[in-house]
Amino acid sequence: MFVGFFFFTYGAYTEKKVVRNEINILVDNFTEDFIFFGQQTLPDEFQNIKKYINDITAPDLSEADKKVEENNSKLVKTAIISLSITFVICICLSIAVWYFGFSKKQRAAEPYTEFMQRIV
């Protein structure tokens, strides 16, 4: 159960880091190209480029960020519920196997806790 929970929560965390890392790589690559070509740019062109860059407004991604956060929290919640239900079903099945699969004598000789330790 821990592995499943860890996988889904770590997946949501990793997704955020991957996007951030890809953006940094993109900016670094663009910057290297700009520095190379910037040395060959005329001063008036450079001023025009600077003006256009300053006029650019960053897009508002708060709605997309909110949607991603909601989807990640839904995924984690669904994973926790699914894994909890699976865990409960496995416990119930193991109790049923122990109770109905063993005779009274065997159940007395091997309590449920020892049976579970042997399974795990």
N, C-alpha and C. Protein backbone atom coordinates (compact mmCIF):
# COMPACT_ATOMS: atom_id res chain seq x y z
N MET A 1 0.83 -1.18 0.00
CA MET A 1 0.00 0.00 0.00
C MET A 1 0.88 1.25 0.00
N PHE A 2 1.94 1.20 0.78
CA PHE A 2 2.84 2.36 0.84
C PHE A 2 3.45 2.64 -0.53
N VAL A 3 3.82 1.58 -1.25
CA VAL A 3 4.45 1.76 -2.56
C VAL A 3 3.48 2.45 -3.52
N GLY A 4 2.23 2.02 -3.53
CA GLY A 4 1.24 2.65 -4.40
C GLY A 4 1.01 4.10 -4.04
N PHE A 5 0.85 4.38 -2.76
CA PHE A 5 0.64 5.76 -2.30
C PHE A 5 1.85 6.61 -2.65
N PHE A 6 3.03 6.08 -2.39
CA PHE A 6 4.26 6.80 -2.69
C PHE A 6 4.37 7.09 -4.19
N PHE A 7 4.01 6.11 -5.02
CA PHE A 7 4.09 6.28 -6.47
C PHE A 7 3.22 7.44 -6.94
N PHE A 8 1.96 7.49 -6.49
CA PHE A 8 1.05 8.52 -6.98
C PHE A 8 1.41 9.90 -6.44
N THR A 9 1.80 9.99 -5.18
CA THR A 9 2.15 11.31 -4.65
C THR A 9 3.47 11.78 -5.24
N TYR A 10 4.41 10.88 -5.40
CA TYR A 10 5.68 11.26 -5.99
C TYR A 10 5.50 11.62 -7.47
N GLY A 11 4.57 10.94 -8.15
CA GLY A 11 4.29 11.26 -9.55
C GLY A 11 3.78 12.68 -9.70
N ALA A 12 2.89 13.10 -8.82
CA ALA A 12 2.37 14.47 -8.88
C ALA A 12 3.48 15.48 -8.60
N TYR A 13 4.34 15.16 -7.65
CA TYR A 13 5.45 16.05 -7.31
C TYR A 13 6.46 16.12 -8.46
N THR A 14 6.75 14.96 -9.05
CA THR A 14 7.72 14.89 -10.13
C THR A 14 7.24 15.63 -11.36
N GLU A 15 5.95 15.55 -11.64
CA GLU A 15 5.40 16.25 -12.80
C GLU A 15 5.71 17.75 -12.72
N LYS A 16 5.53 18.31 -11.55
CA LYS A 16 5.79 19.74 -11.36
C LYS A 16 7.27 20.06 -11.58
N LYS A 17 8.15 19.20 -11.07
CA LYS A 17 9.58 19.43 -11.22
C LYS A 17 10.02 19.27 -12.68
N VAL A 18 9.43 18.31 -13.40
CA VAL A 18 9.79 18.09 -14.80
C VAL A 18 9.43 19.30 -15.64
N VAL A 19 8.23 19.84 -15.44
CA VAL A 19 7.82 21.03 -16.19
C VAL A 19 8.75 22.19 -15.90
N ARG A 20 9.08 22.40 -14.65
CA ARG A 20 9.98 23.49 -14.28
C ARG A 20 11.36 23.30 -14.91
N ASN A 21 11.85 22.06 -14.91
CA ASN A 21 13.15 21.75 -15.49
C ASN A 21 13.15 21.98 -17.00
N GLU A 22 12.08 21.56 -17.68
CA GLU A 22 12.00 21.76 -19.13
C GLU A 22 11.96 23.25 -19.49
N ILE A 23 11.27 24.04 -18.69
CA ILE A 23 11.23 25.48 -18.94
C ILE A 23 12.63 26.08 -18.77
N ASN A 24 13.34 25.65 -17.73
CA ASN A 24 14.70 26.16 -17.52
C ASN A 24 15.62 25.79 -18.68
N ILE A 25 15.50 24.56 -19.19
CA ILE A 25 16.32 24.13 -20.32
C ILE A 25 15.99 24.96 -21.56
N LEU A 26 14.71 25.19 -21.79
CA LEU A 26 14.28 26.00 -22.93
C LEU A 26 14.84 27.42 -22.84
N VAL A 27 14.74 28.02 -21.68
CA VAL A 27 15.26 29.38 -21.50
C VAL A 27 16.77 29.41 -21.67
N ASP A 28 17.47 28.41 -21.11
CA ASP A 28 18.93 28.37 -21.26
C ASP A 28 19.34 28.24 -22.73
N ASN A 29 18.65 27.37 -23.47
CA ASN A 29 18.97 27.20 -24.89
C ASN A 29 18.70 28.48 -25.68
N PHE A 30 17.58 29.12 -25.39
CA PHE A 30 17.26 30.38 -26.08
C PHE A 30 18.28 31.45 -25.74
N THR A 31 18.70 31.51 -24.49
CA THR A 31 19.66 32.52 -24.06
C THR A 31 21.00 32.33 -24.76
N GLU A 32 21.45 31.07 -24.89
CA GLU A 32 22.72 30.81 -25.58
C GLU A 32 22.64 31.28 -27.03
N ASP A 33 21.54 30.97 -27.71
CA ASP A 33 21.37 31.41 -29.10
C ASP A 33 21.32 32.93 -29.18
N PHE A 34 20.61 33.53 -28.27
CA PHE A 34 20.46 34.99 -28.29
C PHE A 34 21.80 35.68 -28.06
N ILE A 35 22.60 35.14 -27.16
CA ILE A 35 23.92 35.74 -26.90
C ILE A 35 24.79 35.64 -28.14
N PHE A 36 24.75 34.48 -28.82
CA PHE A 36 25.56 34.30 -30.02
C PHE A 36 25.13 35.28 -31.12
N PHE A 37 23.82 35.32 -31.39
CA PHE A 37 23.34 36.20 -32.45
C PHE A 37 23.28 37.66 -32.00
N GLY A 38 23.20 37.88 -30.71
CA GLY A 38 23.16 39.24 -30.18
C GLY A 38 24.44 40.01 -30.44
N GLN A 39 25.56 39.29 -30.51
CA GLN A 39 26.83 39.95 -30.77
C GLN A 39 26.89 40.49 -32.20
N GLN A 40 26.09 39.90 -33.09
CA GLN A 40 26.11 40.31 -34.49
C GLN A 40 24.95 41.26 -34.82
N THR A 41 24.22 41.68 -33.81
CA THR A 41 23.06 42.55 -34.02
C THR A 41 23.47 44.01 -33.93
N LEU A 42 22.88 44.81 -34.80
CA LEU A 42 23.15 46.25 -34.79
C LEU A 42 22.50 46.89 -33.57
N PRO A 43 23.05 48.00 -33.08
CA PRO A 43 22.52 48.63 -31.86
C PRO A 43 21.05 49.05 -31.98
N ASP A 44 20.63 49.58 -33.14
CA ASP A 44 19.23 49.99 -33.25
C ASP A 44 18.29 48.78 -33.29
N GLU A 45 18.74 47.68 -33.90
CA GLU A 45 17.95 46.44 -33.87
C GLU A 45 17.85 45.91 -32.43
N PHE A 46 18.96 46.06 -31.73
CA PHE A 46 19.00 45.60 -30.35
C PHE A 46 17.98 46.38 -29.50
N GLN A 47 17.89 47.69 -29.74
CA GLN A 47 16.92 48.51 -29.01
C GLN A 47 15.49 48.11 -29.35
N ASN A 48 15.23 47.82 -30.64
CA ASN A 48 13.89 47.37 -31.04
C ASN A 48 13.53 46.05 -30.37
N ILE A 49 14.48 45.14 -30.35
CA ILE A 49 14.24 43.84 -29.69
C ILE A 49 13.97 44.04 -28.22
N LYS A 50 14.75 44.90 -27.58
CA LYS A 50 14.57 45.18 -26.16
C LYS A 50 13.19 45.78 -25.90
N LYS A 51 12.75 46.68 -26.79
CA LYS A 51 11.43 47.31 -26.64
C LYS A 51 10.32 46.25 -26.76
N TYR A 52 10.44 45.37 -27.76
CA TYR A 52 9.42 44.32 -27.94
C TYR A 52 9.39 43.36 -26.75
N ILE A 53 10.55 43.02 -26.24
CA ILE A 53 10.61 42.11 -25.08
C ILE A 53 9.97 42.76 -23.86
N ASN A 54 10.24 44.05 -23.65
CA ASN A 54 9.65 44.74 -22.50
C ASN A 54 8.15 44.89 -22.63
N ASP A 55 7.65 44.96 -23.87
CA ASP A 55 6.21 45.11 -24.09
C ASP A 55 5.44 43.79 -23.93
N ILE A 56 6.16 42.69 -23.94
CA ILE A 56 5.49 41.38 -23.82
C ILE A 56 5.03 41.19 -22.38
N THR A 57 3.78 40.81 -22.23
CA THR A 57 3.28 40.48 -20.89
C THR A 57 3.20 38.96 -20.77
N ALA A 58 3.59 38.50 -19.64
CA ALA A 58 3.56 37.05 -19.40
C ALA A 58 2.11 36.58 -19.37
N PRO A 59 1.84 35.45 -19.99
CA PRO A 59 0.46 34.95 -19.97
C PRO A 59 0.05 34.54 -18.56
N ASP A 60 -1.20 34.73 -18.26
CA ASP A 60 -1.72 34.36 -16.94
C ASP A 60 -2.04 32.86 -16.95
N LEU A 61 -1.20 32.10 -16.30
CA LEU A 61 -1.36 30.65 -16.26
C LEU A 61 -1.96 30.17 -14.95
N SER A 62 -2.51 31.09 -14.19
CA SER A 62 -3.05 30.70 -12.88
C SER A 62 -4.21 29.71 -13.04
N GLU A 63 -5.01 29.89 -14.09
CA GLU A 63 -6.13 28.96 -14.32
C GLU A 63 -5.61 27.56 -14.65
N ALA A 64 -4.59 27.48 -15.51
CA ALA A 64 -4.00 26.19 -15.85
C ALA A 64 -3.32 25.56 -14.63
N ASP A 65 -2.63 26.37 -13.84
CA ASP A 65 -1.99 25.87 -12.63
C ASP A 65 -3.03 25.33 -11.66
N LYS A 66 -4.13 26.04 -11.54
CA LYS A 66 -5.20 25.61 -10.65
C LYS A 66 -5.79 24.28 -11.12
N LYS A 67 -5.98 24.14 -12.43
CA LYS A 67 -6.53 22.91 -12.99
C LYS A 67 -5.58 21.73 -12.76
N VAL A 68 -4.28 21.96 -12.96
CA VAL A 68 -3.29 20.91 -12.73
C VAL A 68 -3.28 20.51 -11.26
N GLU A 69 -3.33 21.49 -10.38
CA GLU A 69 -3.34 21.21 -8.94
C GLU A 69 -4.58 20.40 -8.55
N GLU A 70 -5.74 20.76 -9.11
CA GLU A 70 -6.97 20.02 -8.83
C GLU A 70 -6.87 18.59 -9.34
N ASN A 71 -6.35 18.42 -10.56
CA ASN A 71 -6.21 17.07 -11.12
C ASN A 71 -5.24 16.23 -10.30
N ASN A 72 -4.14 16.83 -9.86
CA ASN A 72 -3.18 16.10 -9.04
C ASN A 72 -3.78 15.70 -7.70
N SER A 73 -4.53 16.60 -7.08
CA SER A 73 -5.14 16.25 -5.79
C SER A 73 -6.22 15.18 -5.98
N LYS A 74 -6.97 15.24 -7.10
CA LYS A 74 -7.95 14.18 -7.38
C LYS A 74 -7.25 12.85 -7.59
N LEU A 75 -6.12 12.87 -8.30
CA LEU A 75 -5.37 11.65 -8.55
C LEU A 75 -4.87 11.04 -7.24
N VAL A 76 -4.32 11.88 -6.37
CA VAL A 76 -3.82 11.38 -5.09
C VAL A 76 -4.97 10.84 -4.25
N LYS A 77 -6.10 11.56 -4.22
CA LYS A 77 -7.25 11.11 -3.45
C LYS A 77 -7.79 9.78 -3.99
N THR A 78 -7.89 9.66 -5.31
CA THR A 78 -8.35 8.42 -5.92
C THR A 78 -7.38 7.28 -5.63
N ALA A 79 -6.09 7.57 -5.68
CA ALA A 79 -5.09 6.54 -5.39
C ALA A 79 -5.20 6.08 -3.94
N ILE A 80 -5.37 7.00 -3.02
CA ILE A 80 -5.49 6.63 -1.61
C ILE A 80 -6.73 5.78 -1.39
N ILE A 81 -7.85 6.17 -1.99
CA ILE A 81 -9.09 5.41 -1.82
C ILE A 81 -8.93 4.02 -2.44
N SER A 82 -8.41 3.95 -3.66
CA SER A 82 -8.24 2.66 -4.33
C SER A 82 -7.31 1.74 -3.56
N LEU A 83 -6.20 2.29 -3.11
CA LEU A 83 -5.24 1.47 -2.37
C LEU A 83 -5.79 1.05 -1.01
N SER A 84 -6.55 1.91 -0.38
CA SER A 84 -7.16 1.54 0.91
C SER A 84 -8.18 0.43 0.73
N ILE A 85 -9.00 0.55 -0.31
CA ILE A 85 -9.99 -0.51 -0.57
C ILE A 85 -9.29 -1.82 -0.89
N THR A 86 -8.24 -1.76 -1.70
CA THR A 86 -7.48 -2.97 -2.02
C THR A 86 -6.87 -3.58 -0.77
N PHE A 87 -6.35 -2.75 0.11
CA PHE A 87 -5.76 -3.23 1.35
C PHE A 87 -6.80 -3.92 2.23
N VAL A 88 -7.97 -3.30 2.36
CA VAL A 88 -9.04 -3.89 3.18
C VAL A 88 -9.51 -5.21 2.58
N ILE A 89 -9.65 -5.26 1.26
CA ILE A 89 -10.07 -6.51 0.61
C ILE A 89 -9.03 -7.60 0.83
N CYS A 90 -7.76 -7.26 0.72
CA CYS A 90 -6.70 -8.26 0.95
C CYS A 90 -6.71 -8.76 2.39
N ILE A 91 -6.91 -7.87 3.34
CA ILE A 91 -6.99 -8.29 4.74
C ILE A 91 -8.18 -9.22 4.94
N CYS A 92 -9.35 -8.84 4.39
CA CYS A 92 -10.55 -9.68 4.53
C CYS A 92 -10.34 -11.04 3.89
N LEU A 93 -9.73 -11.07 2.72
CA LEU A 93 -9.48 -12.36 2.06
C LEU A 93 -8.50 -13.21 2.86
N SER A 94 -7.48 -12.58 3.42
CA SER A 94 -6.52 -13.37 4.21
C SER A 94 -7.17 -13.91 5.48
N ILE A 95 -8.06 -13.11 6.10
CA ILE A 95 -8.78 -13.61 7.27
C ILE A 95 -9.68 -14.77 6.87
N ALA A 96 -10.36 -14.65 5.72
CA ALA A 96 -11.23 -15.73 5.25
C ALA A 96 -10.43 -16.99 4.97
N VAL A 97 -9.28 -16.85 4.33
CA VAL A 97 -8.43 -18.03 4.05
C VAL A 97 -7.97 -18.65 5.36
N TRP A 98 -7.56 -17.82 6.30
CA TRP A 98 -7.09 -18.34 7.59
C TRP A 98 -8.23 -19.03 8.33
N TYR A 99 -9.40 -18.38 8.36
CA TYR A 99 -10.51 -18.91 9.15
C TYR A 99 -11.14 -20.14 8.51
N PHE A 100 -11.44 -20.06 7.22
CA PHE A 100 -12.13 -21.17 6.55
C PHE A 100 -11.17 -22.21 5.99
N GLY A 101 -9.94 -21.84 5.75
CA GLY A 101 -8.97 -22.78 5.18
C GLY A 101 -8.29 -23.65 6.21
N PHE A 102 -8.26 -23.22 7.44
CA PHE A 102 -7.62 -23.99 8.50
C PHE A 102 -8.69 -24.59 9.40
N SER A 103 -8.36 -25.72 9.96
CA SER A 103 -9.27 -26.31 10.95
C SER A 103 -9.08 -25.57 12.27
N LYS A 104 -9.95 -25.86 13.25
CA LYS A 104 -9.83 -25.21 14.56
C LYS A 104 -8.47 -25.49 15.18
N LYS A 105 -8.02 -26.70 15.00
CA LYS A 105 -6.75 -27.11 15.58
C LYS A 105 -5.59 -26.31 14.94
N GLN A 106 -5.65 -26.16 13.63
CA GLN A 106 -4.60 -25.41 12.94
C GLN A 106 -4.66 -23.92 13.31
N ARG A 107 -5.87 -23.39 13.44
CA ARG A 107 -6.01 -21.98 13.82
C ARG A 107 -5.46 -21.75 15.23
N ALA A 108 -5.68 -22.70 16.11
CA ALA A 108 -5.16 -22.57 17.47
C ALA A 108 -3.63 -22.67 17.47
N ALA A 109 -3.09 -23.52 16.61
CA ALA A 109 -1.65 -23.70 16.56
C ALA A 109 -0.96 -22.51 15.89
N GLU A 110 -1.65 -21.91 14.94
CA GLU A 110 -1.06 -20.78 14.22
C GLU A 110 -2.04 -19.61 14.21
N PRO A 111 -1.88 -18.66 15.13
CA PRO A 111 -2.78 -17.50 15.16
C PRO A 111 -2.68 -16.68 13.87
N TYR A 112 -3.65 -15.82 13.68
CA TYR A 112 -3.73 -15.03 12.46
C TYR A 112 -2.48 -14.16 12.26
N THR A 113 -1.95 -13.61 13.34
CA THR A 113 -0.77 -12.74 13.21
C THR A 113 0.43 -13.50 12.65
N GLU A 114 0.61 -14.73 13.11
CA GLU A 114 1.71 -15.54 12.57
C GLU A 114 1.46 -15.91 11.12
N PHE A 115 0.20 -16.16 10.79
CA PHE A 115 -0.18 -16.47 9.42
C PHE A 115 0.16 -15.29 8.50
N MET A 116 -0.16 -14.07 8.93
CA MET A 116 0.13 -12.88 8.13
C MET A 116 1.63 -12.65 8.00
N GLN A 117 2.37 -12.93 9.07
CA GLN A 117 3.82 -12.76 9.00
C GLN A 117 4.42 -13.72 7.98
N ARG A 118 3.87 -14.91 7.91
CA ARG A 118 4.37 -15.88 6.95
C ARG A 118 4.04 -15.44 5.53
N ILE A 119 2.87 -14.86 5.33
CA ILE A 119 2.49 -14.39 3.99
C ILE A 119 3.38 -13.23 3.56
N VAL A 120 3.60 -12.31 4.47
CA VAL A 120 4.39 -11.13 4.13
C VAL A 120 5.84 -11.52 4.00
